[in-house]
Amino acid sequence: MHIMREYRHLLKAVVKHVGKEDYKRHFREFISEEFRKNSKLLDPSSIQQKIKLAHDYTFLLNSVHHHKDLLFSYNIAVDRSDEMKRILGKSAASVGLQLPEVYQP
């Protein structure tokens, strides 16, 4: 079903980019409530508008996150030391190694 697919995509994007912590639960609850309300509407054009809005918002969330990743990868005036540690840690873990802890006085 087209409505359920958009609902799942939107919830997945919200969990991935906004977060799934308990204090951010109101984002997911709002989306669930809106889809429940819209499932009871009888006007198909209104439902289609809401589905398009959900699709567009999902696309926006994913695009903003991707844009942020691109900015980090191009090193646009951002301290990337934490990002580089994460990337190096993933690379080392992929071959079964673990990076040593760096001494911080």
N, C-alpha and C. Protein backbone atom coordinates (compact mmCIF):
# COMPACT_ATOMS: atom_id res chain seq x y z
N MET A 1 0.84 -1.18 0.00
CA MET A 1 0.00 0.00 0.00
C MET A 1 0.89 1.24 0.00
N HIS A 2 0.54 2.21 -0.83
CA HIS A 2 1.32 3.43 -1.02
C HIS A 2 1.40 4.27 0.25
N ILE A 3 0.33 4.34 0.99
CA ILE A 3 0.30 5.16 2.21
C ILE A 3 1.23 4.57 3.26
N MET A 4 1.19 3.28 3.44
CA MET A 4 2.04 2.64 4.45
C MET A 4 3.51 2.74 4.09
N ARG A 5 3.82 2.67 2.81
CA ARG A 5 5.22 2.79 2.39
C ARG A 5 5.77 4.17 2.72
N GLU A 6 4.99 5.21 2.43
CA GLU A 6 5.43 6.57 2.75
C GLU A 6 5.54 6.77 4.26
N TYR A 7 4.61 6.17 4.99
CA TYR A 7 4.65 6.26 6.46
C TYR A 7 5.92 5.62 7.00
N ARG A 8 6.26 4.44 6.51
CA ARG A 8 7.49 3.76 6.96
C ARG A 8 8.74 4.55 6.59
N HIS A 9 8.78 5.08 5.37
CA HIS A 9 9.94 5.86 4.94
C HIS A 9 10.11 7.11 5.81
N LEU A 10 9.01 7.77 6.11
CA LEU A 10 9.08 8.98 6.92
C LEU A 10 9.53 8.66 8.34
N LEU A 11 8.97 7.63 8.94
CA LEU A 11 9.39 7.26 10.30
C LEU A 11 10.86 6.84 10.34
N LYS A 12 11.30 6.12 9.32
CA LYS A 12 12.70 5.70 9.26
C LYS A 12 13.61 6.92 9.16
N ALA A 13 13.25 7.91 8.35
CA ALA A 13 14.07 9.11 8.20
C ALA A 13 14.09 9.92 9.51
N VAL A 14 12.96 10.01 10.18
CA VAL A 14 12.91 10.75 11.44
C VAL A 14 13.77 10.06 12.49
N VAL A 15 13.68 8.75 12.60
CA VAL A 15 14.49 8.02 13.58
C VAL A 15 15.98 8.17 13.26
N LYS A 16 16.32 8.10 11.98
CA LYS A 16 17.72 8.17 11.59
C LYS A 16 18.32 9.56 11.76
N HIS A 17 17.58 10.60 11.37
CA HIS A 17 18.15 11.94 11.33
C HIS A 17 17.77 12.82 12.52
N VAL A 18 16.62 12.60 13.10
CA VAL A 18 16.21 13.39 14.26
C VAL A 18 16.65 12.67 15.53
N GLY A 19 16.43 11.39 15.59
CA GLY A 19 16.84 10.60 16.74
C GLY A 19 15.70 9.80 17.31
N LYS A 20 16.05 8.79 18.09
CA LYS A 20 15.00 7.96 18.69
C LYS A 20 15.03 8.04 20.20
N GLU A 21 15.70 9.05 20.73
CA GLU A 21 15.72 9.23 22.18
C GLU A 21 14.31 9.52 22.68
N ASP A 22 14.11 9.26 23.95
CA ASP A 22 12.78 9.41 24.53
C ASP A 22 12.27 10.85 24.48
N TYR A 23 13.18 11.82 24.66
CA TYR A 23 12.73 13.21 24.66
C TYR A 23 12.42 13.73 23.25
N LYS A 24 12.69 12.94 22.22
CA LYS A 24 12.35 13.30 20.85
C LYS A 24 11.16 12.48 20.33
N ARG A 25 10.50 11.80 21.23
CA ARG A 25 9.39 10.92 20.88
C ARG A 25 8.23 11.69 20.24
N HIS A 26 8.08 12.96 20.59
CA HIS A 26 6.94 13.73 20.08
C HIS A 26 6.95 13.87 18.56
N PHE A 27 8.12 13.79 17.90
CA PHE A 27 8.17 13.81 16.45
C PHE A 27 7.47 12.58 15.87
N ARG A 28 7.82 11.41 16.39
CA ARG A 28 7.22 10.17 15.91
C ARG A 28 5.72 10.11 16.23
N GLU A 29 5.37 10.59 17.43
CA GLU A 29 3.95 10.57 17.82
C GLU A 29 3.13 11.49 16.92
N PHE A 30 3.67 12.65 16.56
CA PHE A 30 2.95 13.57 15.68
C PHE A 30 2.71 12.93 14.32
N ILE A 31 3.74 12.28 13.78
CA ILE A 31 3.60 11.63 12.48
C ILE A 31 2.56 10.52 12.54
N SER A 32 2.62 9.70 13.58
CA SER A 32 1.65 8.61 13.73
C SER A 32 0.23 9.15 13.82
N GLU A 33 0.05 10.19 14.60
CA GLU A 33 -1.28 10.79 14.78
C GLU A 33 -1.80 11.36 13.46
N GLU A 34 -0.94 12.03 12.70
CA GLU A 34 -1.36 12.59 11.41
C GLU A 34 -1.78 11.50 10.43
N PHE A 35 -1.04 10.40 10.40
CA PHE A 35 -1.41 9.32 9.49
C PHE A 35 -2.68 8.63 9.95
N ARG A 36 -2.91 8.54 11.25
CA ARG A 36 -4.16 7.95 11.74
C ARG A 36 -5.35 8.83 11.36
N LYS A 37 -5.19 10.15 11.55
CA LYS A 37 -6.27 11.07 11.19
C LYS A 37 -6.57 11.00 9.70
N ASN A 38 -5.52 10.94 8.88
CA ASN A 38 -5.71 10.95 7.44
C ASN A 38 -6.29 9.65 6.92
N SER A 39 -6.09 8.56 7.64
CA SER A 39 -6.68 7.30 7.18
C SER A 39 -8.19 7.32 7.33
N LYS A 40 -8.72 8.20 8.18
CA LYS A 40 -10.16 8.28 8.40
C LYS A 40 -10.84 9.29 7.47
N LEU A 41 -10.04 10.09 6.74
CA LEU A 41 -10.61 11.06 5.81
C LEU A 41 -11.22 10.35 4.61
N LEU A 42 -12.24 10.94 4.08
CA LEU A 42 -12.89 10.35 2.92
C LEU A 42 -12.48 11.03 1.62
N ASP A 43 -11.90 12.20 1.68
CA ASP A 43 -11.52 12.96 0.50
C ASP A 43 -10.18 12.46 -0.05
N PRO A 44 -10.18 11.79 -1.19
CA PRO A 44 -8.93 11.24 -1.74
C PRO A 44 -7.90 12.31 -2.10
N SER A 45 -8.34 13.48 -2.53
CA SER A 45 -7.38 14.52 -2.90
C SER A 45 -6.64 15.03 -1.66
N SER A 46 -7.33 15.12 -0.54
CA SER A 46 -6.69 15.54 0.70
C SER A 46 -5.67 14.50 1.16
N ILE A 47 -6.00 13.24 1.02
CA ILE A 47 -5.08 12.17 1.39
C ILE A 47 -3.85 12.22 0.50
N GLN A 48 -4.05 12.44 -0.80
CA GLN A 48 -2.92 12.51 -1.72
C GLN A 48 -2.01 13.70 -1.40
N GLN A 49 -2.59 14.81 -0.99
CA GLN A 49 -1.78 15.97 -0.60
C GLN A 49 -0.94 15.65 0.63
N LYS A 50 -1.53 14.98 1.60
CA LYS A 50 -0.80 14.61 2.82
C LYS A 50 0.30 13.60 2.52
N ILE A 51 0.04 12.66 1.62
CA ILE A 51 1.07 11.69 1.24
C ILE A 51 2.22 12.38 0.54
N LYS A 52 1.89 13.33 -0.34
CA LYS A 52 2.95 14.10 -1.03
C LYS A 52 3.75 14.91 -0.03
N LEU A 53 3.08 15.50 0.95
CA LEU A 53 3.77 16.26 1.99
C LEU A 53 4.71 15.35 2.79
N ALA A 54 4.27 14.17 3.13
CA ALA A 54 5.11 13.21 3.85
C ALA A 54 6.31 12.81 3.00
N HIS A 55 6.09 12.56 1.72
CA HIS A 55 7.18 12.21 0.82
C HIS A 55 8.19 13.35 0.71
N ASP A 56 7.70 14.56 0.56
CA ASP A 56 8.58 15.72 0.44
C ASP A 56 9.38 15.95 1.72
N TYR A 57 8.76 15.76 2.87
CA TYR A 57 9.47 15.95 4.13
C TYR A 57 10.54 14.87 4.33
N THR A 58 10.23 13.65 3.93
CA THR A 58 11.22 12.57 3.98
C THR A 58 12.41 12.91 3.10
N PHE A 59 12.12 13.40 1.90
CA PHE A 59 13.18 13.78 0.98
C PHE A 59 14.01 14.92 1.56
N LEU A 60 13.37 15.89 2.20
CA LEU A 60 14.08 17.01 2.83
C LEU A 60 15.01 16.52 3.93
N LEU A 61 14.51 15.68 4.82
CA LEU A 61 15.35 15.16 5.91
C LEU A 61 16.57 14.42 5.36
N ASN A 62 16.35 13.55 4.39
CA ASN A 62 17.47 12.79 3.83
C ASN A 62 18.45 13.70 3.09
N SER A 63 17.94 14.71 2.39
CA SER A 63 18.80 15.62 1.64
C SER A 63 19.64 16.50 2.55
N VAL A 64 19.04 17.01 3.62
CA VAL A 64 19.79 17.85 4.55
C VAL A 64 20.90 17.04 5.21
N HIS A 65 20.60 15.81 5.57
CA HIS A 65 21.62 14.95 6.18
C HIS A 65 22.74 14.66 5.18
N HIS A 66 22.38 14.37 3.95
CA HIS A 66 23.38 14.11 2.92
C HIS A 66 24.23 15.36 2.66
N HIS A 67 23.60 16.52 2.63
CA HIS A 67 24.32 17.78 2.42
C HIS A 67 25.32 18.03 3.54
N LYS A 68 24.91 17.75 4.76
CA LYS A 68 25.82 17.90 5.90
C LYS A 68 27.01 16.96 5.78
N ASP A 69 26.76 15.73 5.36
CA ASP A 69 27.85 14.78 5.16
C ASP A 69 28.81 15.26 4.07
N LEU A 70 28.27 15.85 3.00
CA LEU A 70 29.12 16.37 1.95
C LEU A 70 29.99 17.53 2.46
N LEU A 71 29.39 18.41 3.25
CA LEU A 71 30.17 19.52 3.80
C LEU A 71 31.30 19.00 4.67
N PHE A 72 31.04 17.99 5.48
CA PHE A 72 32.10 17.41 6.29
C PHE A 72 33.18 16.79 5.42
N SER A 73 32.76 16.11 4.36
CA SER A 73 33.75 15.44 3.51
C SER A 73 34.61 16.44 2.75
N TYR A 74 34.09 17.63 2.45
CA TYR A 74 34.87 18.65 1.76
C TYR A 74 35.65 19.53 2.73
N ASN A 75 35.52 19.26 4.03
CA ASN A 75 36.25 19.98 5.06
C ASN A 75 35.98 21.49 5.00
N ILE A 76 34.74 21.85 5.00
CA ILE A 76 34.33 23.25 4.93
C ILE A 76 34.38 23.86 6.33
N ALA A 77 35.52 24.38 6.72
CA ALA A 77 35.73 25.11 7.97
C ALA A 77 35.15 24.39 9.19
N VAL A 78 35.39 23.10 9.25
CA VAL A 78 34.87 22.31 10.35
C VAL A 78 36.01 21.47 10.91
N ASP A 79 36.07 21.38 12.23
CA ASP A 79 37.05 20.51 12.86
C ASP A 79 36.61 19.07 12.65
N ARG A 80 37.40 18.32 11.93
CA ARG A 80 37.01 16.96 11.56
C ARG A 80 37.75 15.90 12.34
N SER A 81 38.40 16.25 13.42
CA SER A 81 39.19 15.26 14.14
C SER A 81 38.32 14.11 14.66
N ASP A 82 37.16 14.42 15.21
CA ASP A 82 36.26 13.36 15.69
C ASP A 82 35.77 12.49 14.54
N GLU A 83 35.43 13.13 13.43
CA GLU A 83 34.97 12.40 12.26
C GLU A 83 36.07 11.48 11.74
N MET A 84 37.29 11.96 11.70
CA MET A 84 38.41 11.15 11.22
C MET A 84 38.68 9.97 12.16
N LYS A 85 38.56 10.21 13.47
CA LYS A 85 38.74 9.11 14.43
C LYS A 85 37.70 8.02 14.19
N ARG A 86 36.48 8.44 13.92
CA ARG A 86 35.40 7.48 13.68
C ARG A 86 35.68 6.68 12.40
N ILE A 87 36.11 7.36 11.35
CA ILE A 87 36.40 6.69 10.07
C ILE A 87 37.58 5.73 10.22
N LEU A 88 38.63 6.19 10.90
CA LEU A 88 39.79 5.32 11.11
C LEU A 88 39.43 4.11 11.99
N GLY A 89 38.59 4.34 13.00
CA GLY A 89 38.14 3.24 13.84
C GLY A 89 37.35 2.20 13.06
N LYS A 90 36.49 2.67 12.15
CA LYS A 90 35.72 1.74 11.31
C LYS A 90 36.64 0.96 10.38
N SER A 91 37.62 1.66 9.80
CA SER A 91 38.56 1.00 8.89
C SER A 91 39.36 -0.07 9.63
N ALA A 92 39.84 0.27 10.83
CA ALA A 92 40.61 -0.69 11.61
C ALA A 92 39.74 -1.88 12.02
N ALA A 93 38.50 -1.60 12.40
CA ALA A 93 37.60 -2.68 12.83
C ALA A 93 37.26 -3.61 11.67
N SER A 94 37.25 -3.09 10.45
CA SER A 94 36.90 -3.93 9.30
C SER A 94 37.95 -5.02 9.04
N VAL A 95 39.18 -4.80 9.52
CA VAL A 95 40.21 -5.83 9.36
C VAL A 95 40.55 -6.50 10.69
N GLY A 96 39.73 -6.26 11.70
CA GLY A 96 39.89 -6.94 12.98
C GLY A 96 40.86 -6.27 13.94
N LEU A 97 41.15 -5.02 13.72
CA LEU A 97 42.06 -4.31 14.62
C LEU A 97 41.30 -3.28 15.44
N GLN A 98 41.95 -2.77 16.46
CA GLN A 98 41.35 -1.73 17.30
C GLN A 98 42.39 -0.64 17.49
N LEU A 99 42.00 0.60 17.29
CA LEU A 99 42.94 1.71 17.47
C LEU A 99 43.26 1.90 18.95
N PRO A 100 44.52 2.24 19.26
CA PRO A 100 44.86 2.47 20.66
C PRO A 100 44.27 3.79 21.16
N GLU A 101 44.03 3.85 22.45
CA GLU A 101 43.54 5.09 23.05
C GLU A 101 44.68 6.10 23.08
N VAL A 102 44.39 7.35 22.73
CA VAL A 102 45.39 8.41 22.72
C VAL A 102 45.45 9.03 24.09
N TYR A 103 46.67 9.22 24.58
CA TYR A 103 46.86 9.80 25.91
C TYR A 103 46.45 11.27 25.91
N GLN A 104 45.58 11.65 26.82
CA GLN A 104 45.14 13.03 26.98
C GLN A 104 45.54 13.51 28.36
N PRO A 105 46.59 14.37 28.50
CA PRO A 105 47.04 14.81 29.84
C PRO A 105 46.01 15.69 30.53
